[in-house]
Protein backbone atom coordinates (compact mmCIF):
# COMPACT_ATOMS: atom_id res chain seq x y z
CA MET A 1 -14.69 -6.48 1.25
CA ALA A 2 -16.28 -3.04 1.31
CA HIS A 3 -15.10 0.11 3.04
CA ILE A 4 -17.52 1.21 5.76
CA TYR A 5 -16.31 4.81 5.48
CA PRO A 6 -15.67 5.26 1.74
CA ASN A 7 -12.05 5.02 0.59
CA SER A 8 -12.54 7.90 -1.87
CA PRO A 9 -15.75 9.63 -0.81
CA THR A 10 -17.63 11.75 -3.29
CA VAL A 11 -18.31 15.35 -2.28
CA GLU A 12 -21.85 14.33 -1.38
CA GLN A 13 -20.62 11.40 0.77
CA TYR A 14 -18.04 13.60 2.47
CA LEU A 15 -20.71 16.13 3.40
CA GLU A 16 -23.20 13.40 4.43
CA LEU A 17 -20.65 11.70 6.73
CA LYS A 18 -18.80 14.79 7.97
CA GLY A 19 -18.10 14.66 11.69
CA LEU A 20 -19.13 11.02 12.17
CA GLU A 21 -16.96 8.48 13.99
CA ARG A 22 -14.58 6.53 11.75
CA LEU A 23 -13.42 3.02 12.48
CA GLY A 24 -9.69 2.34 12.32
CA ASP A 25 -6.73 4.60 11.70
CA ASN A 26 -7.50 5.13 7.99
CA SER A 27 -9.85 3.97 5.25
CA GLU A 28 -7.75 0.88 4.52
CA SER A 29 -7.79 -0.23 8.18
CA PHE A 30 -9.23 -3.70 8.83
CA ASP A 31 -11.73 -2.06 11.22
CA ASN A 32 -13.13 -0.05 8.31
CA LYS A 33 -13.95 -3.13 6.20
CA ILE A 34 -17.08 -5.27 6.02
CA ALA A 35 -18.18 -8.18 3.83
CA LEU A 36 -21.18 -7.20 1.71
CA CYS A 37 -22.92 -8.71 -1.29
CA LYS A 38 -22.14 -7.14 -4.69
CA ASP A 39 -25.26 -4.94 -4.75
CA CYS A 40 -24.84 -3.68 -1.18
CA HIS A 41 -21.13 -3.09 -1.81
CA SER A 42 -21.94 -0.87 -4.79
CA THR A 43 -24.51 1.08 -2.77
CA GLN A 44 -22.02 1.50 0.08
CA ASP A 45 -19.29 2.70 -2.31
CA TYR A 46 -21.34 5.26 -4.20
CA HIS A 47 -24.51 6.09 -2.26
CA THR A 48 -23.60 5.93 1.43
CA THR A 49 -26.12 7.73 3.62
CA ASN A 50 -25.67 8.92 7.17
CA GLU A 51 -28.29 6.40 8.32
CA ASP A 52 -26.70 3.43 6.52
CA TYR A 53 -23.24 4.34 7.76
CA LEU A 54 -24.41 4.59 11.38
CA LYS A 55 -26.15 1.19 11.10
CA LEU A 56 -22.89 -0.39 9.93
CA ILE A 57 -20.68 1.11 12.64
CA LYS A 58 -23.18 0.25 15.37
CA ASN A 59 -23.34 -3.39 14.23
CA PRO A 60 -22.38 -5.44 17.33
CA ASN A 61 -20.66 -7.99 15.09
CA LEU A 62 -17.99 -5.46 14.08
CA SER A 63 -14.89 -5.30 16.21
CA LYS A 64 -13.86 -1.91 17.49
CA LYS A 65 -10.64 -0.77 19.07
CA ASN A 66 -11.09 -0.04 22.74
């Protein structure tokens, strides 16, 4: 399981994702997790982009708190 919003974002990731909606109460929240293949998980962990992050949180298959 991968974190959608990185658990320990790099400075670059923090700046890239600053101000964007986060799913769940914290990075370990179930709502902030997604099943990804090994290669995609690595990319998500270390090279998250604004565009990729927004695609993941807008995925209709993810549950969101209402």
